[in-house]
Amino acid sequence: SVPPGGSLTLSCEASGFTASAYCMGWFRQTPGKEREGV
């Protein structure tokens, strides 16, 4: 949780496969909304 204007750094760690072999992306979702690509 951060105030407006703040920053966050998200990480996504892969296990069991090599992530660099795939296209990867970030998506986000709020309640009642469809997931959207970021």
PDB file of all heavy atoms in Angstrom:
ATOM      1  N   SER A   1       0.834  -1.188   0.000  1.00  0.00           N
ATOM      2  CA  SER A   1       0.000   0.000   0.000  1.00  0.00           C
ATOM      3  C   SER A   1       0.874   1.245   0.000  1.00  0.00           C
ATOM      4  O   SER A   1       1.778   1.376   0.837  1.00  0.00           O
ATOM      5  CB  SER A   1      -0.918   0.005   1.227  1.00  0.00           C
ATOM      6  OG  SER A   1      -1.757   1.135   1.223  1.00  0.00           O
ATOM      7  N   VAL A   2       0.603   2.136  -0.938  1.00  0.00           N
ATOM      8  CA  VAL A   2       1.376   3.371  -1.051  1.00  0.00           C
ATOM      9  C   VAL A   2       0.436   4.535  -1.324  1.00  0.00           C
ATOM     10  O   VAL A   2      -0.663   4.348  -1.849  1.00  0.00           O
ATOM     11  CB  VAL A   2       2.431   3.294  -2.173  1.00  0.00           C
ATOM     12  CG1 VAL A   2       3.465   2.214  -1.879  1.00  0.00           C
ATOM     13  CG2 VAL A   2       1.767   3.039  -3.517  1.00  0.00           C
ATOM     14  N   PRO A   3       0.843   5.744  -0.993  1.00  0.00           N
ATOM     15  CA  PRO A   3       0.028   6.910  -1.325  1.00  0.00           C
ATOM     16  C   PRO A   3       0.152   7.247  -2.805  1.00  0.00           C
ATOM     17  O   PRO A   3       1.077   6.788  -3.480  1.00  0.00           O
ATOM     18  CB  PRO A   3       0.636   8.012  -0.456  1.00  0.00           C
ATOM     19  CG  PRO A   3       2.068   7.613  -0.301  1.00  0.00           C
ATOM     20  CD  PRO A   3       2.048   6.115  -0.228  1.00  0.00           C
ATOM     21  N   PRO A   4      -0.768   8.039  -3.325  1.00  0.00           N
ATOM     22  CA  PRO A   4      -0.647   8.477  -4.719  1.00  0.00           C
ATOM     23  C   PRO A   4       0.706   9.125  -4.971  1.00  0.00           C
ATOM     24  O   PRO A   4       1.209   9.891  -4.148  1.00  0.00           O
ATOM     25  CB  PRO A   4      -1.791   9.482  -4.875  1.00  0.00           C
ATOM     26  CG  PRO A   4      -2.806   9.038  -3.880  1.00  0.00           C
ATOM     27  CD  PRO A   4      -2.006   8.543  -2.706  1.00  0.00           C
ATOM     28  N   GLY A   5       1.271   8.809  -6.110  1.00  0.00           N
ATOM     29  CA  GLY A   5       2.590   9.298  -6.441  1.00  0.00           C
ATOM     30  C   GLY A   5       3.714   8.394  -5.990  1.00  0.00           C
ATOM     31  O   GLY A   5       4.871   8.613  -6.387  1.00  0.00           O
ATOM     32  N   GLY A   6       3.392   7.392  -5.207  1.00  0.00           N
ATOM     33  CA  GLY A   6       4.387   6.465  -4.721  1.00  0.00           C
ATOM     34  C   GLY A   6       4.760   5.418  -5.756  1.00  0.00           C
ATOM     35  O   GLY A   6       4.264   5.418  -6.882  1.00  0.00           O
ATOM     36  N   SER A   7       5.630   4.514  -5.337  1.00  0.00           N
ATOM     37  CA  SER A   7       6.147   3.489  -6.237  1.00  0.00           C
ATOM     38  C   SER A   7       6.076   2.118  -5.606  1.00  0.00           C
ATOM     39  O   SER A   7       6.142   1.970  -4.384  1.00  0.00           O
ATOM     40  CB  SER A   7       7.603   3.779  -6.617  1.00  0.00           C
ATOM     41  OG  SER A   7       7.730   4.997  -7.309  1.00  0.00           O
ATOM     42  N   LEU A   8       5.944   1.114  -6.453  1.00  0.00           N
ATOM     43  CA  LEU A   8       6.035  -0.277  -6.057  1.00  0.00           C
ATOM     44  C   LEU A   8       6.825  -1.028  -7.111  1.00  0.00           C
ATOM     45  O   LEU A   8       6.747  -0.701  -8.294  1.00  0.00           O
ATOM     46  CB  LEU A   8       4.653  -0.921  -5.930  1.00  0.00           C
ATOM     47  CG  LEU A   8       3.778  -0.532  -4.743  1.00  0.00           C
ATOM     48  CD1 LEU A   8       2.374  -1.103  -4.923  1.00  0.00           C
ATOM     49  CD2 LEU A   8       4.387  -1.030  -3.437  1.00  0.00           C
ATOM     50  N   THR A   9       7.558  -2.028  -6.672  1.00  0.00           N
ATOM     51  CA  THR A   9       8.259  -2.909  -7.590  1.00  0.00           C
ATOM     52  C   THR A   9       7.746  -4.321  -7.391  1.00  0.00           C
ATOM     53  O   THR A   9       7.895  -4.894  -6.311  1.00  0.00           O
ATOM     54  CB  THR A   9       9.779  -2.876  -7.357  1.00  0.00           C
ATOM     55  OG1 THR A   9      10.261  -1.546  -7.525  1.00  0.00           O
ATOM     56  CG2 THR A   9      10.486  -3.780  -8.362  1.00  0.00           C
ATOM     57  N   LEU A  10       7.128  -4.873  -8.408  1.00  0.00           N
ATOM     58  CA  LEU A  10       6.595  -6.219  -8.348  1.00  0.00           C
ATOM     59  C   LEU A  10       7.577  -7.199  -8.975  1.00  0.00           C
ATOM     60  O   LEU A  10       8.251  -6.871  -9.948  1.00  0.00           O
ATOM     61  CB  LEU A  10       5.257  -6.314  -9.081  1.00  0.00           C
ATOM     62  CG  LEU A  10       4.174  -5.313  -8.680  1.00  0.00           C
ATOM     63  CD1 LEU A  10       2.894  -5.603  -9.447  1.00  0.00           C
ATOM     64  CD2 LEU A  10       3.942  -5.331  -7.182  1.00  0.00           C
ATOM     65  N   SER A  11       7.629  -8.392  -8.412  1.00  0.00           N
ATOM     66  CA  SER A  11       8.476  -9.446  -8.938  1.00  0.00           C
ATOM     67  C   SER A  11       7.637 -10.673  -9.231  1.00  0.00           C
ATOM     68  O   SER A  11       6.646 -10.938  -8.560  1.00  0.00           O
ATOM     69  CB  SER A  11       9.581  -9.813  -7.935  1.00  0.00           C
ATOM     70  OG  SER A  11      10.420  -8.714  -7.665  1.00  0.00           O
ATOM     71  N   CYS A  12       8.058 -11.421 -10.217  1.00  0.00           N
ATOM     72  CA  CYS A  12       7.410 -12.677 -10.580  1.00  0.00           C
ATOM     73  C   CYS A  12       8.502 -13.698 -10.815  1.00  0.00           C
ATOM     74  O   CYS A  12       9.235 -13.608 -11.800  1.00  0.00           O
ATOM     75  CB  CYS A  12       6.548 -12.494 -11.827  1.00  0.00           C
ATOM     76  SG  CYS A  12       5.836 -14.020 -12.478  1.00  0.00           S
ATOM     77  N   GLU A  13       8.596 -14.646  -9.908  1.00  0.00           N
ATOM     78  CA  GLU A  13       9.639 -15.656  -9.986  1.00  0.00           C
ATOM     79  C   GLU A  13       9.077 -16.964 -10.525  1.00  0.00           C
ATOM     80  O   GLU A  13       8.069 -17.464 -10.016  1.00  0.00           O
ATOM     81  CB  GLU A  13      10.269 -15.881  -8.618  1.00  0.00           C
ATOM     82  CG  GLU A  13      11.431 -16.859  -8.629  1.00  0.00           C
ATOM     83  CD  GLU A  13      12.090 -17.008  -7.281  1.00  0.00           C
ATOM     84  OE1 GLU A  13      11.649 -16.343  -6.327  1.00  0.00           O
ATOM     85  OE2 GLU A  13      13.060 -17.790  -7.175  1.00  0.00           O
ATOM     86  N   ALA A  14       9.740 -17.510 -11.512  1.00  0.00           N
ATOM     87  CA  ALA A  14       9.308 -18.764 -12.116  1.00  0.00           C
ATOM     88  C   ALA A  14      10.023 -19.940 -11.479  1.00  0.00           C
ATOM     89  O   ALA A  14      11.219 -19.877 -11.193  1.00  0.00           O
ATOM     90  CB  ALA A  14       9.572 -18.754 -13.615  1.00  0.00           C
ATOM     91  N   SER A  15       9.287 -21.013 -11.272  1.00  0.00           N
ATOM     92  CA  SER A  15       9.842 -22.256 -10.754  1.00  0.00           C
ATOM     93  C   SER A  15       9.334 -23.407 -11.603  1.00  0.00           C
ATOM     94  O   SER A  15       8.180 -23.420 -12.003  1.00  0.00           O
ATOM     95  CB  SER A  15       9.443 -22.484  -9.294  1.00  0.00           C
ATOM     96  OG  SER A  15       9.899 -21.434  -8.464  1.00  0.00           O
ATOM     97  N   GLY A  16      10.203 -24.370 -11.857  1.00  0.00           N
ATOM     98  CA  GLY A  16       9.797 -25.547 -12.608  1.00  0.00           C
ATOM     99  C   GLY A  16       9.906 -25.411 -14.113  1.00  0.00           C
ATOM    100  O   GLY A  16       9.650 -26.385 -14.821  1.00  0.00           O
ATOM    101  N   PHE A  17      10.258 -24.250 -14.590  1.00  0.00           N
ATOM    102  CA  PHE A  17      10.471 -24.031 -16.011  1.00  0.00           C
ATOM    103  C   PHE A  17      11.314 -22.778 -16.197  1.00  0.00           C
ATOM    104  O   PHE A  17      11.493 -21.997 -15.254  1.00  0.00           O
ATOM    105  CB  PHE A  17       9.152 -23.920 -16.786  1.00  0.00           C
ATOM    106  CG  PHE A  17       8.348 -22.698 -16.453  1.00  0.00           C
ATOM    107  CD1 PHE A  17       8.386 -21.581 -17.269  1.00  0.00           C
ATOM    108  CD2 PHE A  17       7.546 -22.661 -15.326  1.00  0.00           C
ATOM    109  CE1 PHE A  17       7.636 -20.454 -16.970  1.00  0.00           C
ATOM    110  CE2 PHE A  17       6.797 -21.548 -15.011  1.00  0.00           C
ATOM    111  CZ  PHE A  17       6.843 -20.438 -15.842  1.00  0.00           C
ATOM    112  N   THR A  18      11.809 -22.589 -17.388  1.00  0.00           N
ATOM    113  CA  THR A  18      12.649 -21.444 -17.697  1.00  0.00           C
ATOM    114  C   THR A  18      11.785 -20.317 -18.248  1.00  0.00           C
ATOM    115  O   THR A  18      11.267 -20.407 -19.357  1.00  0.00           O
ATOM    116  CB  THR A  18      13.735 -21.815 -18.707  1.00  0.00           C
ATOM    117  OG1 THR A  18      14.526 -22.884 -18.184  1.00  0.00           O
ATOM    118  CG2 THR A  18      14.633 -20.621 -18.992  1.00  0.00           C
ATOM    119  N   ALA A  19      11.657 -19.274 -17.482  1.00  0.00           N
ATOM    120  CA  ALA A  19      10.762 -18.184 -17.858  1.00  0.00           C
ATOM    121  C   ALA A  19      11.206 -17.474 -19.128  1.00  0.00           C
ATOM    122  O   ALA A  19      10.376 -16.955 -19.878  1.00  0.00           O
ATOM    123  CB  ALA A  19      10.649 -17.183 -16.713  1.00  0.00           C
ATOM    124  N   SER A  20      12.502 -17.431 -19.379  1.00  0.00           N
ATOM    125  CA  SER A  20      13.014 -16.733 -20.547  1.00  0.00           C
ATOM    126  C   SER A  20      12.602 -17.383 -21.855  1.00  0.00           C
ATOM    127  O   SER A  20      12.735 -16.769 -22.913  1.00  0.00           O
ATOM    128  CB  SER A  20      14.541 -16.631 -20.476  1.00  0.00           C
ATOM    129  OG  SER A  20      15.135 -17.920 -20.440  1.00  0.00           O
ATOM    130  N   ALA A  21      12.104 -18.603 -21.797  1.00  0.00           N
ATOM    131  CA  ALA A  21      11.654 -19.295 -22.989  1.00  0.00           C
ATOM    132  C   ALA A  21      10.223 -18.931 -23.376  1.00  0.00           C
ATOM    133  O   ALA A  21       9.731 -19.398 -24.401  1.00  0.00           O
ATOM    134  CB  ALA A  21      11.766 -20.806 -22.793  1.00  0.00           C
ATOM    135  N   TYR A  22       9.575 -18.117 -22.572  1.00  0.00           N
ATOM    136  CA  TYR A  22       8.190 -17.752 -22.789  1.00  0.00           C
ATOM    137  C   TYR A  22       8.019 -16.249 -22.872  1.00  0.00           C
ATOM    138  O   TYR A  22       8.782 -15.483 -22.279  1.00  0.00           O
ATOM    139  CB  TYR A  22       7.312 -18.271 -21.650  1.00  0.00           C
ATOM    140  CG  TYR A  22       7.259 -19.768 -21.537  1.00  0.00           C
ATOM    141  CD1 TYR A  22       8.226 -20.463 -20.834  1.00  0.00           C
ATOM    142  CD2 TYR A  22       6.227 -20.486 -22.128  1.00  0.00           C
ATOM    143  CE1 TYR A  22       8.182 -21.840 -20.727  1.00  0.00           C
ATOM    144  CE2 TYR A  22       6.173 -21.859 -22.022  1.00  0.00           C
ATOM    145  CZ  TYR A  22       7.148 -22.533 -21.319  1.00  0.00           C
ATOM    146  OH  TYR A  22       7.094 -23.896 -21.207  1.00  0.00           O
ATOM    147  N   CYS A  23       7.003 -15.855 -23.586  1.00  0.00           N
ATOM    148  CA  CYS A  23       6.505 -14.493 -23.472  1.00  0.00           C
ATOM    149  C   CYS A  23       5.817 -14.369 -22.116  1.00  0.00           C
ATOM    150  O   CYS A  23       5.050 -15.246 -21.724  1.00  0.00           O
ATOM    151  CB  CYS A  23       5.517 -14.194 -24.598  1.00  0.00           C
ATOM    152  SG  CYS A  23       5.033 -12.473 -24.752  1.00  0.00           S
ATOM    153  N   MET A  24       6.101 -13.296 -21.410  1.00  0.00           N
ATOM    154  CA  MET A  24       5.529 -13.110 -20.089  1.00  0.00           C
ATOM    155  C   MET A  24       4.912 -11.721 -19.971  1.00  0.00           C
ATOM    156  O   MET A  24       5.306 -10.794 -20.673  1.00  0.00           O
ATOM    157  CB  MET A  24       6.580 -13.310 -18.996  1.00  0.00           C
ATOM    158  CG  MET A  24       7.196 -14.694 -18.993  1.00  0.00           C
ATOM    159  SD  MET A  24       8.290 -14.994 -17.581  1.00  0.00           S
ATOM    160  CE  MET A  24       7.100 -14.989 -16.237  1.00  0.00           C
ATOM    161  N   GLY A  25       3.955 -11.605 -19.064  1.00  0.00           N
ATOM    162  CA  GLY A  25       3.291 -10.330 -18.917  1.00  0.00           C
ATOM    163  C   GLY A  25       2.677 -10.138 -17.549  1.00  0.00           C
ATOM    164  O   GLY A  25       2.568 -11.072 -16.749  1.00  0.00           O
ATOM    165  N   TRP A  26       2.286  -8.904 -17.302  1.00  0.00           N
ATOM    166  CA  TRP A  26       1.580  -8.523 -16.094  1.00  0.00           C
ATOM    167  C   TRP A  26       0.151  -8.140 -16.439  1.00  0.00           C
ATOM    168  O   TRP A  26      -0.086  -7.403 -17.398  1.00  0.00           O
ATOM    169  CB  TRP A  26       2.268  -7.343 -15.408  1.00  0.00           C
ATOM    170  CG  TRP A  26       3.572  -7.684 -14.758  1.00  0.00           C
ATOM    171  CD1 TRP A  26       4.817  -7.525 -15.268  1.00  0.00           C
ATOM    172  CD2 TRP A  26       3.739  -8.249 -13.449  1.00  0.00           C
ATOM    173  NE1 TRP A  26       5.761  -7.945 -14.365  1.00  0.00           N
ATOM    174  CE2 TRP A  26       5.125  -8.395 -13.247  1.00  0.00           C
ATOM    175  CE3 TRP A  26       2.855  -8.638 -12.442  1.00  0.00           C
ATOM    176  CZ2 TRP A  26       5.652  -8.921 -12.062  1.00  0.00           C
ATOM    177  CZ3 TRP A  26       3.375  -9.162 -11.273  1.00  0.00           C
ATOM    178  CH2 TRP A  26       4.753  -9.290 -11.093  1.00  0.00           C
ATOM    179  N   PHE A  27      -0.777  -8.616 -15.628  1.00  0.00           N
ATOM    180  CA  PHE A  27      -2.183  -8.286 -15.751  1.00  0.00           C
ATOM    181  C   PHE A  27      -2.686  -7.795 -14.406  1.00  0.00           C
ATOM    182  O   PHE A  27      -2.069  -8.052 -13.374  1.00  0.00           O
ATOM    183  CB  PHE A  27      -2.990  -9.504 -16.200  1.00  0.00           C
ATOM    184  CG  PHE A  27      -2.629  -9.993 -17.569  1.00  0.00           C
ATOM    185  CD1 PHE A  27      -1.472 -10.736 -17.779  1.00  0.00           C
ATOM    186  CD2 PHE A  27      -3.440  -9.718 -18.654  1.00  0.00           C
ATOM    187  CE1 PHE A  27      -1.128 -11.187 -19.040  1.00  0.00           C
ATOM    188  CE2 PHE A  27      -3.107 -10.164 -19.924  1.00  0.00           C
ATOM    189  CZ  PHE A  27      -1.949 -10.899 -20.114  1.00  0.00           C
ATOM    190  N   ARG A  28      -3.803  -7.105 -14.423  1.00  0.00           N
ATOM    191  CA  ARG A  28      -4.375  -6.659 -13.155  1.00  0.00           C
ATOM    192  C   ARG A  28      -5.889  -6.777 -13.191  1.00  0.00           C
ATOM    193  O   ARG A  28      -6.506  -6.749 -14.250  1.00  0.00           O
ATOM    194  CB  ARG A  28      -3.949  -5.228 -12.829  1.00  0.00           C
ATOM    195  CG  ARG A  28      -4.464  -4.161 -13.777  1.00  0.00           C
ATOM    196  CD  ARG A  28      -3.865  -2.808 -13.412  1.00  0.00           C
ATOM    197  NE  ARG A  28      -4.373  -1.734 -14.247  1.00  0.00           N
ATOM    198  CZ  ARG A  28      -3.952  -0.474 -14.177  1.00  0.00           C
ATOM    199  NH1 ARG A  28      -3.007  -0.143 -13.296  1.00  0.00           N
ATOM    200  NH2 ARG A  28      -4.473   0.437 -14.981  1.00  0.00           N
ATOM    201  N   GLN A  29      -6.466  -6.899 -11.990  1.00  0.00           N
ATOM    202  CA  GLN A  29      -7.897  -7.091 -11.881  1.00  0.00           C
ATOM    203  C   GLN A  29      -8.424  -6.468 -10.599  1.00  0.00           C
ATOM    204  O   GLN A  29      -7.814  -6.595  -9.536  1.00  0.00           O
ATOM    205  CB  GLN A  29      -8.242  -8.574 -11.911  1.00  0.00           C
ATOM    206  CG  GLN A  29      -9.725  -8.868 -11.961  1.00  0.00           C
ATOM    207  CD  GLN A  29     -10.006 -10.339 -12.191  1.00  0.00           C
ATOM    208  OE1 GLN A  29      -9.200 -11.194 -11.842  1.00  0.00           O
ATOM    209  NE2 GLN A  29     -11.144 -10.634 -12.790  1.00  0.00           N
ATOM    210  N   THR A  30      -9.555  -5.797 -10.707  1.00  0.00           N
ATOM    211  CA  THR A  30     -10.281  -5.280  -9.554  1.00  0.00           C
ATOM    212  C   THR A  30     -11.606  -6.022  -9.459  1.00  0.00           C
ATOM    213  O   THR A  30     -12.079  -6.581 -10.458  1.00  0.00           O
ATOM    214  CB  THR A  30     -10.531  -3.772  -9.669  1.00  0.00           C
ATOM    215  OG1 THR A  30     -11.239  -3.501 -10.881  1.00  0.00           O
ATOM    216  CG2 THR A  30      -9.217  -3.014  -9.689  1.00  0.00           C
ATOM    217  N   PRO A  31     -12.241  -6.051  -8.278  1.00  0.00           N
ATOM    218  CA  PRO A  31     -13.504  -6.774  -8.129  1.00  0.00           C
ATOM    219  C   PRO A  31     -14.556  -6.318  -9.134  1.00  0.00           C
ATOM    220  O   PRO A  31     -14.779  -5.118  -9.318  1.00  0.00           O
ATOM    221  CB  PRO A  31     -13.934  -6.448  -6.700  1.00  0.00           C
ATOM    222  CG  PRO A  31     -12.647  -6.199  -5.985  1.00  0.00           C
ATOM    223  CD  PRO A  31     -11.777  -5.500  -6.985  1.00  0.00           C
ATOM    224  N   GLY A  32     -15.189  -7.276  -9.789  1.00  0.00           N
ATOM    225  CA  GLY A  32     -16.220  -6.981 -10.756  1.00  0.00           C
ATOM    226  C   GLY A  32     -15.715  -6.580 -12.124  1.00  0.00           C
ATOM    227  O   GLY A  32     -16.522  -6.295 -13.015  1.00  0.00           O
ATOM    228  N   LYS A  33     -14.421  -6.545 -12.295  1.00  0.00           N
ATOM    229  CA  LYS A  33     -13.831  -6.161 -13.568  1.00  0.00           C
ATOM    230  C   LYS A  33     -13.097  -7.341 -14.192  1.00  0.00           C
ATOM    231  O   LYS A  33     -12.629  -8.239 -13.499  1.00  0.00           O
ATOM    232  CB  LYS A  33     -12.844  -5.005 -13.384  1.00  0.00           C
ATOM    233  CG  LYS A  33     -13.427  -3.771 -12.732  1.00  0.00           C
ATOM    234  CD  LYS A  33     -14.337  -3.023 -13.669  1.00  0.00           C
ATOM    235  CE  LYS A  33     -14.770  -1.704 -13.047  1.00  0.00           C
ATOM    236  NZ  LYS A  33     -15.648  -0.938 -13.969  1.00  0.00           N
ATOM    237  N   GLU A  34     -12.999  -7.308 -15.504  1.00  0.00           N
ATOM    238  CA  GLU A  34     -12.200  -8.298 -16.195  1.00  0.00           C
ATOM    239  C   GLU A  34     -10.726  -7.971 -16.034  1.00  0.00           C
ATOM    240  O   GLU A  34     -10.345  -6.822 -15.852  1.00  0.00           O
ATOM    241  CB  GLU A  34     -12.561  -8.344 -17.681  1.00  0.00           C
ATOM    242  CG  GLU A  34     -13.977  -8.790 -17.976  1.00  0.00           C
ATOM    243  CD  GLU A  34     -14.259  -8.849 -19.454  1.00  0.00           C
ATOM    244  OE1 GLU A  34     -13.425  -8.369 -20.251  1.00  0.00           O
ATOM    245  OE2 GLU A  34     -15.320  -9.380 -19.823  1.00  0.00           O
ATOM    246  N   ARG A  35      -9.932  -8.984 -16.106  1.00  0.00           N
ATOM    247  CA  ARG A  35      -8.502  -8.768 -16.080  1.00  0.00           C
ATOM    248  C   ARG A  35      -8.057  -7.990 -17.314  1.00  0.00           C
ATOM    249  O   ARG A  35      -8.538  -8.239 -18.420  1.00  0.00           O
ATOM    250  CB  ARG A  35      -7.753 -10.101 -16.024  1.00  0.00           C
ATOM    251  CG  ARG A  35      -7.239 -10.457 -14.647  1.00  0.00           C
ATOM    252  CD  ARG A  35      -6.474 -11.749 -14.670  1.00  0.00           C
ATOM    253  NE  ARG A  35      -7.381 -12.894 -14.651  1.00  0.00           N
ATOM    254  CZ  ARG A  35      -7.048 -14.085 -14.214  1.00  0.00           C
ATOM    255  NH1 ARG A  35      -5.832 -14.314 -13.742  1.00  0.00           N
ATOM    256  NH2 ARG A  35      -7.927 -15.064 -14.256  1.00  0.00           N
ATOM    257  N   GLU A  36      -7.166  -7.054 -17.121  1.00  0.00           N
ATOM    258  CA  GLU A  36      -6.635  -6.283 -18.228  1.00  0.00           C
ATOM    259  C   GLU A  36      -5.122  -6.430 -18.299  1.00  0.00           C
ATOM    260  O   GLU A  36      -4.438  -6.525 -17.283  1.00  0.00           O
ATOM    261  CB  GLU A  36      -7.007  -4.805 -18.103  1.00  0.00           C
ATOM    262  CG  GLU A  36      -6.433  -4.109 -16.881  1.00  0.00           C
ATOM    263  CD  GLU A  36      -6.694  -2.618 -16.876  1.00  0.00           C
ATOM    264  OE1 GLU A  36      -6.853  -2.030 -17.966  1.00  0.00           O
ATOM    265  OE2 GLU A  36      -6.745  -2.033 -15.768  1.00  0.00           O
ATOM    266  N   GLY A  37      -4.630  -6.432 -19.508  1.00  0.00           N
ATOM    267  CA  GLY A  37      -3.199  -6.502 -19.697  1.00  0.00           C
ATOM    268  C   GLY A  37      -2.538  -5.192 -19.326  1.00  0.00           C
ATOM    269  O   GLY A  37      -3.044  -4.119 -19.657  1.00  0.00           O
ATOM    270  N   VAL A  38      -1.414  -5.281 -18.667  1.00  0.00           N
ATOM    271  CA  VAL A  38      -0.661  -4.109 -18.232  1.00  0.00           C
ATOM    272  C   VAL A  38       0.600  -3.933 -19.058  1.00  0.00           C
ATOM    273  O   VAL A  38       0.862  -2.857 -19.598  1.00  0.00           O
ATOM    274  CB  VAL A  38      -0.316  -4.196 -16.741  1.00  0.00           C
ATOM    275  CG1 VAL A  38       0.551  -3.013 -16.309  1.00  0.00           C
ATOM    276  CG2 VAL A  38      -1.583  -4.260 -15.901  1.00  0.00           C
TER     277      VAL A  38
END
